[in-house]
């Protein structure tokens, strides 16, 4: 599940609309909608603002993962 989908799921569970998130963060609704649907990436600043207004830690939405080339090297050995 991508970052936008994880944030979108949280918003649904918390009863927060994309419009409310837009107002709280100052990020235009069009950018929020595109990011949550996976059509654009959030900037680090946007992601940080979203985490702040939702009072959530970034790790609540992301899980560190090894880069693909490291995964491939591990499989080859």
PDB file of N, CA and C in Angstrom:
ATOM      1  N   UNK A   1       0.856  -1.171   0.000  1.00  0.00           N
ATOM      2  CA  UNK A   1       0.000   0.000   0.000  1.00  0.00           C
ATOM      3  C   UNK A   1       0.904   1.238   0.000  1.00  0.00           C
ATOM      4  N   UNK A   2       0.603   2.196  -0.869  1.00  0.00           N
ATOM      5  CA  UNK A   2       1.444   3.383  -0.947  1.00  0.00           C
ATOM      6  C   UNK A   2       1.089   4.406   0.133  1.00  0.00           C
ATOM      7  N   UNK A   3       1.918   5.411   0.256  1.00  0.00           N
ATOM      8  CA  UNK A   3       1.764   6.423   1.296  1.00  0.00           C
ATOM      9  C   UNK A   3       0.407   7.119   1.220  1.00  0.00           C
ATOM     10  N   UNK A   4       0.016   7.530   0.026  1.00  0.00           N
ATOM     11  CA  UNK A   4      -1.269   8.216  -0.137  1.00  0.00           C
ATOM     12  C   UNK A   4      -2.437   7.358   0.317  1.00  0.00           C
ATOM     13  N   UNK A   5      -2.398   6.086  -0.002  1.00  0.00           N
ATOM     14  CA  UNK A   5      -3.472   5.174   0.400  1.00  0.00           C
ATOM     15  C   UNK A   5      -3.510   5.011   1.917  1.00  0.00           C
ATOM     16  N   UNK A   6      -2.341   4.956   2.543  1.00  0.00           N
ATOM     17  CA  UNK A   6      -2.295   4.830   4.003  1.00  0.00           C
ATOM     18  C   UNK A   6      -2.871   6.069   4.679  1.00  0.00           C
ATOM     19  N   UNK A   7      -2.532   7.240   4.159  1.00  0.00           N
ATOM     20  CA  UNK A   7      -3.079   8.482   4.722  1.00  0.00           C
ATOM     21  C   UNK A   7      -4.574   8.537   4.474  1.00  0.00           C
ATOM     22  N   UNK A   8      -5.000   8.173   3.287  1.00  0.00           N
ATOM     23  CA  UNK A   8      -6.421   8.165   2.951  1.00  0.00           C
ATOM     24  C   UNK A   8      -7.207   7.244   3.878  1.00  0.00           C
ATOM     25  N   UNK A   9      -6.684   6.048   4.139  1.00  0.00           N
ATOM     26  CA  UNK A   9      -7.340   5.117   5.057  1.00  0.00           C
ATOM     27  C   UNK A   9      -7.446   5.706   6.455  1.00  0.00           C
ATOM     28  N   UNK A  10      -6.379   6.371   6.910  1.00  0.00           N
ATOM     29  CA  UNK A  10      -6.424   6.989   8.229  1.00  0.00           C
ATOM     30  C   UNK A  10      -7.504   8.076   8.274  1.00  0.00           C
ATOM     31  N   UNK A  11      -7.570   8.894   7.236  1.00  0.00           N
ATOM     32  CA  UNK A  11      -8.577   9.963   7.205  1.00  0.00           C
ATOM     33  C   UNK A  11      -9.987   9.387   7.313  1.00  0.00           C
ATOM     34  N   UNK A  12     -10.238   8.305   6.583  1.00  0.00           N
ATOM     35  CA  UNK A  12     -11.557   7.665   6.641  1.00  0.00           C
ATOM     36  C   UNK A  12     -11.863   7.175   8.049  1.00  0.00           C
ATOM     37  N   UNK A  13     -10.900   6.517   8.674  1.00  0.00           N
ATOM     38  CA  UNK A  13     -11.093   5.995  10.032  1.00  0.00           C
ATOM     39  C   UNK A  13     -11.324   7.117  11.044  1.00  0.00           C
ATOM     40  N   UNK A  14     -10.638   8.253  10.836  1.00  0.00           N
ATOM     41  CA  UNK A  14     -10.724   9.371  11.773  1.00  0.00           C
ATOM     42  C   UNK A  14     -11.893  10.304  11.457  1.00  0.00           C
ATOM     43  N   UNK A  15     -12.571  10.076  10.331  1.00  0.00           N
ATOM     44  CA  UNK A  15     -13.689  10.931   9.951  1.00  0.00           C
ATOM     45  C   UNK A  15     -13.263  12.316   9.493  1.00  0.00           C
ATOM     46  N   UNK A  16     -12.085  12.393   8.869  1.00  0.00           N
ATOM     47  CA  UNK A  16     -11.551  13.665   8.367  1.00  0.00           C
ATOM     48  C   UNK A  16     -11.633  13.653   6.848  1.00  0.00           C
ATOM     49  N   UNK A  17     -12.154  14.726   6.277  1.00  0.00           N
ATOM     50  CA  UNK A  17     -12.265  14.808   4.819  1.00  0.00           C
ATOM     51  C   UNK A  17     -10.981  15.375   4.216  1.00  0.00           C
ATOM     52  N   UNK A  18     -10.814  15.152   2.927  1.00  0.00           N
ATOM     53  CA  UNK A  18      -9.678  15.732   2.216  1.00  0.00           C
ATOM     54  C   UNK A  18      -9.753  17.255   2.251  1.00  0.00           C
ATOM     55  N   UNK A  19     -10.958  17.791   2.199  1.00  0.00           N
ATOM     56  CA  UNK A  19     -11.133  19.246   2.268  1.00  0.00           C
ATOM     57  C   UNK A  19     -10.649  19.775   3.609  1.00  0.00           C
ATOM     58  N   UNK A  20     -11.012  19.083   4.689  1.00  0.00           N
ATOM     59  CA  UNK A  20     -10.545  19.495   6.019  1.00  0.00           C
ATOM     60  C   UNK A  20      -9.025  19.423   6.103  1.00  0.00           C
ATOM     61  N   UNK A  21      -8.446  18.364   5.574  1.00  0.00           N
ATOM     62  CA  UNK A  21      -6.993  18.224   5.576  1.00  0.00           C
ATOM     63  C   UNK A  21      -6.347  19.357   4.790  1.00  0.00           C
ATOM     64  N   UNK A  22      -6.937  19.704   3.674  1.00  0.00           N
ATOM     65  CA  UNK A  22      -6.435  20.798   2.852  1.00  0.00           C
ATOM     66  C   UNK A  22      -6.431  22.112   3.629  1.00  0.00           C
ATOM     67  N   UNK A  23      -7.528  22.393   4.315  1.00  0.00           N
ATOM     68  CA  UNK A  23      -7.632  23.630   5.099  1.00  0.00           C
ATOM     69  C   UNK A  23      -6.609  23.633   6.240  1.00  0.00           C
ATOM     70  N   UNK A  24      -6.498  22.519   6.941  1.00  0.00           N
ATOM     71  CA  UNK A  24      -5.590  22.429   8.088  1.00  0.00           C
ATOM     72  C   UNK A  24      -4.121  22.547   7.691  1.00  0.00           C
ATOM     73  N   UNK A  25      -3.765  22.018   6.530  1.00  0.00           N
ATOM     74  CA  UNK A  25      -2.362  22.005   6.097  1.00  0.00           C
ATOM     75  C   UNK A  25      -1.991  23.170   5.191  1.00  0.00           C
ATOM     76  N   UNK A  26      -2.981  23.773   4.560  1.00  0.00           N
ATOM     77  CA  UNK A  26      -2.686  24.815   3.583  1.00  0.00           C
ATOM     78  C   UNK A  26      -2.271  24.258   2.231  1.00  0.00           C
ATOM     79  N   UNK A  27      -2.385  22.955   2.064  1.00  0.00           N
ATOM     80  CA  UNK A  27      -2.062  22.308   0.787  1.00  0.00           C
ATOM     81  C   UNK A  27      -3.329  22.327  -0.061  1.00  0.00           C
ATOM     82  N   UNK A  28      -3.244  22.808  -1.304  1.00  0.00           N
ATOM     83  CA  UNK A  28      -4.446  22.847  -2.141  1.00  0.00           C
ATOM     84  C   UNK A  28      -5.126  21.480  -2.250  1.00  0.00           C
ATOM     85  N   UNK A  29      -6.455  21.494  -2.254  1.00  0.00           N
ATOM     86  CA  UNK A  29      -7.238  20.262  -2.322  1.00  0.00           C
ATOM     87  C   UNK A  29      -6.857  19.416  -3.530  1.00  0.00           C
ATOM     88  N   UNK A  30      -6.592  20.061  -4.656  1.00  0.00           N
ATOM     89  CA  UNK A  30      -6.229  19.299  -5.857  1.00  0.00           C
ATOM     90  C   UNK A  30      -4.950  18.495  -5.630  1.00  0.00           C
ATOM     91  N   UNK A  31      -3.976  19.076  -4.931  1.00  0.00           N
ATOM     92  CA  UNK A  31      -2.728  18.353  -4.643  1.00  0.00           C
ATOM     93  C   UNK A  31      -2.965  17.217  -3.650  1.00  0.00           C
ATOM     94  N   UNK A  32      -3.797  17.477  -2.640  1.00  0.00           N
ATOM     95  CA  UNK A  32      -4.129  16.430  -1.665  1.00  0.00           C
ATOM     96  C   UNK A  32      -4.792  15.261  -2.387  1.00  0.00           C
ATOM     97  N   UNK A  33      -5.795  15.566  -3.202  1.00  0.00           N
ATOM     98  CA  UNK A  33      -6.535  14.516  -3.907  1.00  0.00           C
ATOM     99  C   UNK A  33      -5.625  13.687  -4.807  1.00  0.00           C
ATOM    100  N   UNK A  34      -4.765  14.365  -5.546  1.00  0.00           N
ATOM    101  CA  UNK A  34      -3.857  13.642  -6.446  1.00  0.00           C
ATOM    102  C   UNK A  34      -2.871  12.779  -5.667  1.00  0.00           C
ATOM    103  N   UNK A  35      -2.361  13.296  -4.547  1.00  0.00           N
ATOM    104  CA  UNK A  35      -1.397  12.541  -3.749  1.00  0.00           C
ATOM    105  C   UNK A  35      -2.050  11.325  -3.104  1.00  0.00           C
ATOM    106  N   UNK A  36      -3.252  11.500  -2.579  1.00  0.00           N
ATOM    107  CA  UNK A  36      -3.911  10.390  -1.901  1.00  0.00           C
ATOM    108  C   UNK A  36      -4.376   9.314  -2.874  1.00  0.00           C
ATOM    109  N   UNK A  37      -4.563   9.686  -4.131  1.00  0.00           N
ATOM    110  CA  UNK A  37      -4.950   8.696  -5.137  1.00  0.00           C
ATOM    111  C   UNK A  37      -3.739   8.108  -5.868  1.00  0.00           C
ATOM    112  N   UNK A  38      -2.538   8.546  -5.493  1.00  0.00           N
ATOM    113  CA  UNK A  38      -1.326   8.003  -6.091  1.00  0.00           C
ATOM    114  C   UNK A  38      -0.924   8.632  -7.403  1.00  0.00           C
ATOM    115  N   UNK A  39      -1.527   9.754  -7.758  1.00  0.00           N
ATOM    116  CA  UNK A  39      -1.220  10.398  -9.039  1.00  0.00           C
ATOM    117  C   UNK A  39      -0.094  11.420  -8.936  1.00  0.00           C
ATOM    118  N   UNK A  40       0.324  11.737  -7.707  1.00  0.00           N
ATOM    119  CA  UNK A  40       1.485  12.598  -7.504  1.00  0.00           C
ATOM    120  C   UNK A  40       2.110  12.234  -6.170  1.00  0.00           C
ATOM    121  N   UNK A  41       3.351  12.601  -6.010  1.00  0.00           N
ATOM    122  CA  UNK A  41       4.050  12.336  -4.754  1.00  0.00           C
ATOM    123  C   UNK A  41       3.936  13.545  -3.842  1.00  0.00           C
ATOM    124  N   UNK A  42       3.847  13.282  -2.560  1.00  0.00           N
ATOM    125  CA  UNK A  42       3.889  14.353  -1.579  1.00  0.00           C
ATOM    126  C   UNK A  42       5.335  14.809  -1.423  1.00  0.00           C
ATOM    127  N   UNK A  43       5.536  16.110  -1.282  1.00  0.00           N
ATOM    128  CA  UNK A  43       6.877  16.583  -0.936  1.00  0.00           C
ATOM    129  C   UNK A  43       7.109  16.259   0.531  1.00  0.00           C
ATOM    130  N   UNK A  44       8.351  16.304   0.948  1.00  0.00           N
ATOM    131  CA  UNK A  44       8.670  16.051   2.348  1.00  0.00           C
ATOM    132  C   UNK A  44       7.981  17.079   3.237  1.00  0.00           C
ATOM    133  N   UNK A  45       7.954  18.321   2.807  1.00  0.00           N
ATOM    134  CA  UNK A  45       7.285  19.380   3.571  1.00  0.00           C
ATOM    135  C   UNK A  45       5.781  19.108   3.691  1.00  0.00           C
ATOM    136  N   UNK A  46       5.148  18.701   2.600  1.00  0.00           N
ATOM    137  CA  UNK A  46       3.719  18.380   2.643  1.00  0.00           C
ATOM    138  C   UNK A  46       3.453  17.211   3.587  1.00  0.00           C
ATOM    139  N   UNK A  47       4.263  16.175   3.485  1.00  0.00           N
ATOM    140  CA  UNK A  47       4.098  15.007   4.349  1.00  0.00           C
ATOM    141  C   UNK A  47       4.282  15.395   5.811  1.00  0.00           C
ATOM    142  N   UNK A  48       5.284  16.207   6.085  1.00  0.00           N
ATOM    143  CA  UNK A  48       5.540  16.670   7.444  1.00  0.00           C
ATOM    144  C   UNK A  48       4.350  17.470   7.980  1.00  0.00           C
ATOM    145  N   UNK A  49       3.792  18.351   7.161  1.00  0.00           N
ATOM    146  CA  UNK A  49       2.625  19.146   7.569  1.00  0.00           C
ATOM    147  C   UNK A  49       1.422  18.248   7.854  1.00  0.00           C
ATOM    148  N   UNK A  50       1.209  17.254   7.019  1.00  0.00           N
ATOM    149  CA  UNK A  50       0.084  16.327   7.220  1.00  0.00           C
ATOM    150  C   UNK A  50       0.259  15.572   8.534  1.00  0.00           C
ATOM    151  N   UNK A  51       1.444  15.061   8.771  1.00  0.00           N
ATOM    152  CA  UNK A  51       1.699  14.348  10.032  1.00  0.00           C
ATOM    153  C   UNK A  51       1.463  15.270  11.222  1.00  0.00           C
ATOM    154  N   UNK A  52       1.898  16.501  11.127  1.00  0.00           N
ATOM    155  CA  UNK A  52       1.746  17.453  12.228  1.00  0.00           C
ATOM    156  C   UNK A  52       0.271  17.716  12.533  1.00  0.00           C
ATOM    157  N   UNK A  53      -0.517  18.044  11.493  1.00  0.00           N
ATOM    158  CA  UNK A  53      -1.924  18.386  11.761  1.00  0.00           C
ATOM    159  C   UNK A  53      -2.741  17.165  12.181  1.00  0.00           C
ATOM    160  N   UNK A  54      -2.319  15.976  11.772  1.00  0.00           N
ATOM    161  CA  UNK A  54      -3.021  14.759  12.187  1.00  0.00           C
ATOM    162  C   UNK A  54      -2.482  14.226  13.517  1.00  0.00           C
ATOM    163  N   UNK A  55      -1.425  14.863  14.012  1.00  0.00           N
ATOM    164  CA  UNK A  55      -0.781  14.433  15.258  1.00  0.00           C
ATOM    165  C   UNK A  55      -0.348  12.959  15.180  1.00  0.00           C
ATOM    166  N   UNK A  56       0.254  12.625  14.040  1.00  0.00           N
ATOM    167  CA  UNK A  56       0.732  11.268  13.789  1.00  0.00           C
ATOM    168  C   UNK A  56       2.228  11.320  13.483  1.00  0.00           C
ATOM    169  N   UNK A  57       2.938  10.288  13.883  1.00  0.00           N
ATOM    170  CA  UNK A  57       4.355  10.167  13.554  1.00  0.00           C
ATOM    171  C   UNK A  57       4.493   9.695  12.109  1.00  0.00           C
ATOM    172  N   UNK A  58       5.527  10.144  11.398  1.00  0.00           N
ATOM    173  CA  UNK A  58       5.733   9.663  10.023  1.00  0.00           C
ATOM    174  C   UNK A  58       5.752   8.142   9.928  1.00  0.00           C
ATOM    175  N   UNK A  59       6.297   7.476  10.947  1.00  0.00           N
ATOM    176  CA  UNK A  59       6.363   6.005  10.933  1.00  0.00           C
ATOM    177  C   UNK A  59       4.993   5.357  10.999  1.00  0.00           C
ATOM    178  N   UNK A  60       3.966   6.115  11.342  1.00  0.00           N
ATOM    179  CA  UNK A  60       2.615   5.569  11.318  1.00  0.00           C
ATOM    180  C   UNK A  60       2.146   5.327   9.881  1.00  0.00           C
ATOM    181  N   UNK A  61       2.801   6.003   8.922  1.00  0.00           N
ATOM    182  CA  UNK A  61       2.403   5.890   7.520  1.00  0.00           C
ATOM    183  C   UNK A  61       3.444   5.227   6.629  1.00  0.00           C
ATOM    184  N   UNK A  62       4.688   5.169   7.083  1.00  0.00           N
ATOM    185  CA  UNK A  62       5.744   4.583   6.244  1.00  0.00           C
ATOM    186  C   UNK A  62       6.506   3.519   7.018  1.00  0.00           C
ATOM    187  N   UNK A  63       7.012   2.552   6.288  1.00  0.00           N
ATOM    188  CA  UNK A  63       7.854   1.509   6.852  1.00  0.00           C
ATOM    189  C   UNK A  63       9.133   1.482   6.026  1.00  0.00           C
ATOM    190  N   UNK A  64      10.281   1.684   6.660  1.00  0.00           N
ATOM    191  CA  UNK A  64      11.535   1.648   5.898  1.00  0.00           C
ATOM    192  C   UNK A  64      11.684   0.327   5.148  1.00  0.00           C
ATOM    193  N   UNK A  65      12.237   0.434   3.959  1.00  0.00           N
ATOM    194  CA  UNK A  65      12.386  -0.735   3.096  1.00  0.00           C
ATOM    195  C   UNK A  65      13.698  -0.630   2.345  1.00  0.00           C
ATOM    196  N   UNK A  66      14.370  -1.735   2.169  1.00  0.00           N
ATOM    197  CA  UNK A  66      15.631  -1.752   1.436  1.00  0.00           C
ATOM    198  C   UNK A  66      15.382  -1.395  -0.032  1.00  0.00           C
ATOM    199  N   UNK A  67      16.325  -0.665  -0.641  1.00  0.00           N
ATOM    200  CA  UNK A  67      16.210  -0.366  -2.062  1.00  0.00           C
ATOM    201  C   UNK A  67      16.176  -1.646  -2.892  1.00  0.00           C
ATOM    202  N   UNK A  68      15.540  -1.580  -4.044  1.00  0.00           N
ATOM    203  CA  UNK A  68      15.359  -2.758  -4.899  1.00  0.00           C
ATOM    204  C   UNK A  68      16.692  -3.415  -5.258  1.00  0.00           C
ATOM    205  N   UNK A  69      17.726  -2.610  -5.556  1.00  0.00           N
ATOM    206  CA  UNK A  69      18.990  -3.219  -5.970  1.00  0.00           C
ATOM    207  C   UNK A  69      19.628  -4.018  -4.829  1.00  0.00           C
ATOM    208  N   UNK A  70      19.390  -3.632  -3.584  1.00  0.00           N
ATOM    209  CA  UNK A  70      19.910  -4.420  -2.459  1.00  0.00           C
ATOM    210  C   UNK A  70      19.152  -5.714  -2.300  1.00  0.00           C
ATOM    211  N   UNK A  71      17.851  -5.670  -2.546  1.00  0.00           N
ATOM    212  CA  UNK A  71      17.044  -6.879  -2.474  1.00  0.00           C
ATOM    213  C   UNK A  71      17.503  -7.888  -3.533  1.00  0.00           C
ATOM    214  N   UNK A  72      17.782  -7.376  -4.733  1.00  0.00           N
ATOM    215  CA  UNK A  72      18.214  -8.254  -5.834  1.00  0.00           C
ATOM    216  C   UNK A  72      19.566  -8.880  -5.510  1.00  0.00           C
ATOM    217  N   UNK A  73      20.467  -8.091  -4.928  1.00  0.00           N
ATOM    218  CA  UNK A  73      21.793  -8.614  -4.562  1.00  0.00           C
ATOM    219  C   UNK A  73      21.673  -9.683  -3.491  1.00  0.00           C
ATOM    220  N   UNK A  74      20.773  -9.508  -2.563  1.00  0.00           N
ATOM    221  CA  UNK A  74      20.568 -10.500  -1.501  1.00  0.00           C
ATOM    222  C   UNK A  74      20.046 -11.812  -2.065  1.00  0.00           C
ATOM    223  N   UNK A  75      19.199 -11.723  -3.070  1.00  0.00           N
ATOM    224  CA  UNK A  75      18.644 -12.932  -3.696  1.00  0.00           C
ATOM    225  C   UNK A  75      19.697 -13.681  -4.506  1.00  0.00           C
ATOM    226  N   UNK A  76      20.665 -12.937  -5.057  1.00  0.00           N
ATOM    227  CA  UNK A  76      21.683 -13.537  -5.908  1.00  0.00           C
ATOM    228  C   UNK A  76      22.733 -14.293  -5.093  1.00  0.00           C
ATOM    229  N   UNK A  77      22.882 -13.963  -3.819  1.00  0.00           N
ATOM    230  CA  UNK A  77      23.934 -14.612  -3.021  1.00  0.00           C
ATOM    231  C   UNK A  77      23.416 -15.806  -2.263  1.00  0.00           C
TER     232      UNK A  77
END
